Amino acid sequence: MKRLILSALLCGFAGMSMAQENTSSFGTLQEDADKEVNATADTMILEEELGYSVMEGNVVVIQGGSTLTAEKVRAEYTEDRSEIKHIIATGNVVLLSGEDIAKGDRADYYLLENTVVLTGNAYVKQGTDTMTAQRITMNTITGAAEMTGRVTTVLTPKKDEEGKKSE
């Protein structure tokens, strides 16, 4: 059961993507989904009967080319305990995946709704494009994103093989 919990902590982020002209997956999360998960923390509490687990203190979860760090990561299960429905990472949350980065004071991943919400100093960098806001909500299937609270985006025009801007 512990392996299932640890695997889900990072695998849950496997669909993150960002809305741009051409939607693309976030980092290497898709390819990493089947790879071994290694997780460390200062403490771990497993409350199977209550339907949650918590890793706290210098949490580091590594899977393939992806690394999630936070002060605390909590996984909440469905009523029948068959799957994780919600992952909450808090305290200096950083997700590095390939060349892409997502940061925030908090990250909530609603697995059943395919939605990731970064809050508090939210930042996403994918390729050379960046988004910052107080809140970034991303759909992990469609790649659509909504940003609120002093939004800043920097989008770099894509160039074709000859160095010309793509239309």
Foldseek 3Di string as FASTA:
>chain_A
DVQQVLLCQLLLCLLAWADDPDTDGAACSVVQSPFGKDKDAPDKDDDVVQFKIKGAHFIWIDTDQKIWTARMKMWGADPVRPGTQKIKGAHFIWMDHHPKIWTARMWMRGSVQQKIKGAHQTWIDDPNKIKTARIWMARSPPNYIDHYHPIDIDDDFDADPVRHGDD
